[in-house]
């Protein structure tokens, strides 16, 4: 009878350890899945940031071109005004 109780206690402890190990591996898989999802979101965020930077750089180039054209137009208008004042 004493051997049976000891055997049952050892078996119960073994089952408990097996269950805990199974839960632990499930938790690891779940954490791994969450990390993969976080990595994917991080990559997506980086891609969006690169696209935003590219768009901003293009807008900057366009603004610089517009400013240059405006300055050229102003110079041309000033020359035209000076010519008309000389006449």
N, C-alpha and C. Protein backbone atom coordinates (compact mmCIF):
# COMPACT_ATOMS: atom_id res chain seq x y z
N UNK A 1 0.82 -1.18 0.00
CA UNK A 1 0.00 0.00 0.00
C UNK A 1 0.86 1.25 0.00
N UNK A 2 1.94 1.21 0.79
CA UNK A 2 2.84 2.35 0.84
C UNK A 2 3.52 2.54 -0.51
N UNK A 3 3.89 1.46 -1.16
CA UNK A 3 4.51 1.53 -2.48
C UNK A 3 3.53 2.09 -3.52
N UNK A 4 2.27 1.76 -3.40
CA UNK A 4 1.26 2.23 -4.33
C UNK A 4 1.11 3.74 -4.21
N UNK A 5 1.05 4.24 -2.96
CA UNK A 5 0.94 5.69 -2.75
C UNK A 5 2.16 6.42 -3.29
N UNK A 6 3.32 5.89 -3.03
CA UNK A 6 4.55 6.50 -3.51
C UNK A 6 4.57 6.51 -5.04
N UNK A 7 4.16 5.39 -5.60
CA UNK A 7 4.12 5.29 -7.06
C UNK A 7 3.12 6.30 -7.64
N UNK A 8 1.97 6.42 -6.99
CA UNK A 8 0.95 7.38 -7.46
C UNK A 8 1.46 8.82 -7.33
N UNK A 9 2.14 9.13 -6.23
CA UNK A 9 2.69 10.48 -6.05
C UNK A 9 3.73 10.78 -7.12
N UNK A 10 4.61 9.82 -7.39
CA UNK A 10 5.64 10.01 -8.41
C UNK A 10 4.98 10.16 -9.79
N UNK A 11 3.96 9.35 -10.06
CA UNK A 11 3.26 9.44 -11.34
C UNK A 11 2.57 10.80 -11.47
N UNK A 12 1.93 11.28 -10.39
CA UNK A 12 1.25 12.57 -10.42
C UNK A 12 2.26 13.70 -10.64
N UNK A 13 3.42 13.60 -9.98
CA UNK A 13 4.46 14.61 -10.17
C UNK A 13 4.96 14.60 -11.61
N UNK A 14 5.11 13.40 -12.18
CA UNK A 14 5.55 13.28 -13.57
C UNK A 14 4.55 13.89 -14.54
N UNK A 15 3.27 13.62 -14.29
CA UNK A 15 2.21 14.18 -15.14
C UNK A 15 2.21 15.71 -15.02
N UNK A 16 2.35 16.21 -13.80
CA UNK A 16 2.38 17.66 -13.60
C UNK A 16 3.55 18.28 -14.35
N UNK A 17 4.72 17.65 -14.27
CA UNK A 17 5.88 18.17 -15.00
C UNK A 17 5.65 18.14 -16.50
N UNK A 18 5.04 17.08 -16.98
CA UNK A 18 4.77 16.97 -18.42
C UNK A 18 3.81 18.06 -18.87
N UNK A 19 2.78 18.31 -18.05
CA UNK A 19 1.81 19.35 -18.39
C UNK A 19 2.48 20.72 -18.39
N UNK A 20 3.31 20.97 -17.38
CA UNK A 20 4.01 22.25 -17.31
C UNK A 20 4.96 22.42 -18.49
N UNK A 21 5.63 21.36 -18.87
CA UNK A 21 6.55 21.43 -20.01
C UNK A 21 5.77 21.72 -21.29
N UNK A 22 4.60 21.10 -21.42
CA UNK A 22 3.76 21.35 -22.60
C UNK A 22 3.29 22.79 -22.64
N UNK A 23 2.89 23.33 -21.50
CA UNK A 23 2.46 24.73 -21.43
C UNK A 23 3.62 25.66 -21.73
N UNK A 24 4.78 25.28 -21.25
CA UNK A 24 5.95 26.11 -21.49
C UNK A 24 6.28 26.16 -22.97
N UNK A 25 6.20 25.03 -23.67
CA UNK A 25 6.50 25.04 -25.10
C UNK A 25 5.44 25.81 -25.86
N UNK A 26 4.19 25.74 -25.43
CA UNK A 26 3.13 26.52 -26.08
C UNK A 26 3.38 28.00 -25.88
N UNK A 27 3.81 28.37 -24.68
CA UNK A 27 4.10 29.77 -24.41
C UNK A 27 5.26 30.25 -25.27
N UNK A 28 6.27 29.40 -25.44
CA UNK A 28 7.41 29.76 -26.28
C UNK A 28 6.97 29.95 -27.72
N UNK A 29 6.13 29.06 -28.20
CA UNK A 29 5.64 29.18 -29.58
C UNK A 29 4.81 30.45 -29.72
N UNK A 30 4.00 30.75 -28.71
CA UNK A 30 3.18 31.95 -28.75
C UNK A 30 4.05 33.20 -28.74
N UNK A 31 5.07 33.21 -27.90
CA UNK A 31 5.99 34.35 -27.86
C UNK A 31 6.71 34.48 -29.19
N UNK A 32 7.12 33.36 -29.75
CA UNK A 32 7.81 33.40 -31.03
C UNK A 32 6.91 33.98 -32.11
N UNK A 33 5.63 33.59 -32.07
CA UNK A 33 4.67 34.12 -33.04
C UNK A 33 4.48 35.62 -32.87
N UNK A 34 4.42 36.06 -31.61
CA UNK A 34 4.26 37.49 -31.35
C UNK A 34 5.50 38.25 -31.80
N UNK A 35 6.68 37.67 -31.60
CA UNK A 35 7.91 38.33 -32.02
C UNK A 35 7.96 38.41 -33.54
N UNK A 36 7.54 37.34 -34.21
CA UNK A 36 7.52 37.38 -35.68
C UNK A 36 6.57 38.46 -36.17
N UNK A 37 5.43 38.56 -35.53
CA UNK A 37 4.47 39.58 -35.90
C UNK A 37 5.04 40.97 -35.65
N UNK A 38 5.73 41.15 -34.53
CA UNK A 38 6.35 42.44 -34.22
C UNK A 38 7.44 42.76 -35.24
N UNK A 39 8.21 41.75 -35.64
CA UNK A 39 9.25 41.96 -36.66
C UNK A 39 8.62 42.39 -37.98
N UNK A 40 7.52 41.76 -38.35
CA UNK A 40 6.85 42.12 -39.61
C UNK A 40 6.31 43.55 -39.54
N UNK A 41 5.73 43.92 -38.40
CA UNK A 41 5.22 45.28 -38.25
C UNK A 41 6.35 46.29 -38.26
N UNK A 42 7.47 45.92 -37.66
CA UNK A 42 8.63 46.80 -37.66
C UNK A 42 9.14 47.01 -39.08
N UNK A 43 9.22 45.95 -39.84
CA UNK A 43 9.68 46.04 -41.23
C UNK A 43 8.73 46.90 -42.05
N UNK A 44 7.43 46.71 -41.82
CA UNK A 44 6.42 47.50 -42.54
C UNK A 44 6.56 48.99 -42.20
N UNK A 45 6.82 49.26 -40.92
CA UNK A 45 6.99 50.64 -40.49
C UNK A 45 8.22 51.26 -41.14
N UNK A 46 9.31 50.49 -41.21
CA UNK A 46 10.52 50.99 -41.87
C UNK A 46 10.27 51.27 -43.34
N UNK A 47 9.53 50.40 -43.99
CA UNK A 47 9.22 50.60 -45.41
C UNK A 47 8.40 51.87 -45.59
N UNK A 48 7.42 52.08 -44.74
CA UNK A 48 6.60 53.28 -44.83
C UNK A 48 7.44 54.53 -44.57
N UNK A 49 8.37 54.44 -43.64
CA UNK A 49 9.23 55.59 -43.33
C UNK A 49 10.13 55.91 -44.53
N UNK A 50 10.66 54.88 -45.18
CA UNK A 50 11.50 55.10 -46.37
C UNK A 50 10.69 55.77 -47.48
N UNK A 51 9.44 55.30 -47.67
CA UNK A 51 8.58 55.89 -48.69
C UNK A 51 8.28 57.36 -48.36
N UNK A 52 8.02 57.63 -47.09
CA UNK A 52 7.74 59.00 -46.68
C UNK A 52 8.96 59.88 -46.89
N UNK A 53 10.14 59.37 -46.58
CA UNK A 53 11.38 60.13 -46.79
C UNK A 53 11.58 60.41 -48.27
N UNK A 54 11.35 59.41 -49.10
CA UNK A 54 11.49 59.59 -50.54
C UNK A 54 10.52 60.66 -51.06
N UNK A 55 9.29 60.61 -50.59
CA UNK A 55 8.29 61.60 -51.00
C UNK A 55 8.70 63.00 -50.53
N UNK A 56 9.20 63.09 -49.32
CA UNK A 56 9.63 64.39 -48.79
C UNK A 56 10.81 64.94 -49.58
N UNK A 57 11.74 64.07 -49.94
CA UNK A 57 12.89 64.52 -50.73
C UNK A 57 12.45 65.00 -52.11
N UNK A 58 11.50 64.30 -52.71
CA UNK A 58 10.99 64.72 -54.02
C UNK A 58 10.29 66.07 -53.89
N UNK A 59 9.52 66.25 -52.82
CA UNK A 59 8.85 67.53 -52.60
C UNK A 59 9.87 68.65 -52.40
N UNK A 60 10.96 68.36 -51.71
CA UNK A 60 12.02 69.35 -51.50
C UNK A 60 12.65 69.75 -52.84
N UNK A 61 12.92 68.75 -53.68
CA UNK A 61 13.50 69.06 -55.00
C UNK A 61 12.55 69.91 -55.83
N UNK A 62 11.27 69.57 -55.78
CA UNK A 62 10.27 70.32 -56.54
C UNK A 62 10.19 71.76 -56.03
N UNK A 63 10.22 71.93 -54.71
CA UNK A 63 10.17 73.28 -54.13
C UNK A 63 11.41 74.09 -54.52
N UNK A 64 12.56 73.44 -54.52
CA UNK A 64 13.79 74.14 -54.91
C UNK A 64 13.74 74.56 -56.38
N UNK A 65 13.20 73.69 -57.23
CA UNK A 65 13.06 74.03 -58.64
C UNK A 65 12.09 75.20 -58.82
N UNK A 66 11.00 75.17 -58.07
CA UNK A 66 10.03 76.26 -58.16
C UNK A 66 10.64 77.58 -57.69
N UNK A 67 11.42 77.53 -56.63
CA UNK A 67 12.09 78.73 -56.13
C UNK A 67 13.07 79.26 -57.17
N UNK A 68 13.83 78.38 -57.77
CA UNK A 68 14.79 78.79 -58.79
C UNK A 68 14.07 79.43 -59.98
N UNK A 69 12.99 78.81 -60.41
CA UNK A 69 12.22 79.35 -61.54
C UNK A 69 11.63 80.72 -61.17
N UNK A 70 11.15 80.84 -59.96
CA UNK A 70 10.59 82.11 -59.50
C UNK A 70 11.65 83.21 -59.50
N UNK A 71 12.85 82.87 -59.03
CA UNK A 71 13.93 83.86 -59.03
C UNK A 71 14.32 84.26 -60.44
N UNK A 72 14.35 83.30 -61.35
CA UNK A 72 14.66 83.62 -62.75
C UNK A 72 13.58 84.53 -63.34
N UNK A 73 12.33 84.22 -63.05
CA UNK A 73 11.23 85.05 -63.55
C UNK A 73 11.32 86.47 -62.99
N UNK A 74 11.65 86.59 -61.73
CA UNK A 74 11.78 87.90 -61.11
C UNK A 74 12.90 88.71 -61.78
N UNK A 75 14.03 88.07 -62.03
CA UNK A 75 15.14 88.75 -62.69
C UNK A 75 14.74 89.20 -64.09
N UNK A 76 14.04 88.35 -64.79
CA UNK A 76 13.58 88.69 -66.15
C UNK A 76 12.61 89.88 -66.09
N UNK A 77 11.70 89.86 -65.15
CA UNK A 77 10.75 90.97 -65.03
C UNK A 77 11.47 92.26 -64.65
N UNK A 78 12.47 92.18 -63.78
CA UNK A 78 13.25 93.37 -63.41
C UNK A 78 13.96 93.94 -64.63
N UNK A 79 14.54 93.09 -65.47
CA UNK A 79 15.22 93.56 -66.68
C UNK A 79 14.23 94.20 -67.65
N UNK A 80 13.06 93.59 -67.77
CA UNK A 80 12.04 94.15 -68.65
C UNK A 80 11.59 95.52 -68.13
N UNK A 81 11.42 95.64 -66.83
CA UNK A 81 11.01 96.91 -66.24
C UNK A 81 12.08 97.98 -66.47
N UNK A 82 13.35 97.61 -66.28
CA UNK A 82 14.46 98.57 -66.51
C UNK A 82 14.49 99.03 -67.95
N UNK A 83 14.28 98.11 -68.89
CA UNK A 83 14.28 98.47 -70.31
C UNK A 83 13.13 99.43 -70.62
N UNK A 84 11.98 99.16 -70.04
CA UNK A 84 10.83 100.03 -70.33
C UNK A 84 11.02 101.41 -69.70
N UNK A 85 11.73 101.50 -68.58
CA UNK A 85 11.98 102.80 -67.93
C UNK A 85 13.00 103.61 -68.71
N UNK A 86 13.91 103.00 -69.43
CA UNK A 86 14.93 103.70 -70.21
C UNK A 86 14.33 104.37 -71.44
N UNK A 87 13.25 103.83 -71.91
CA UNK A 87 12.66 104.34 -73.16
C UNK A 87 11.94 105.59 -72.95
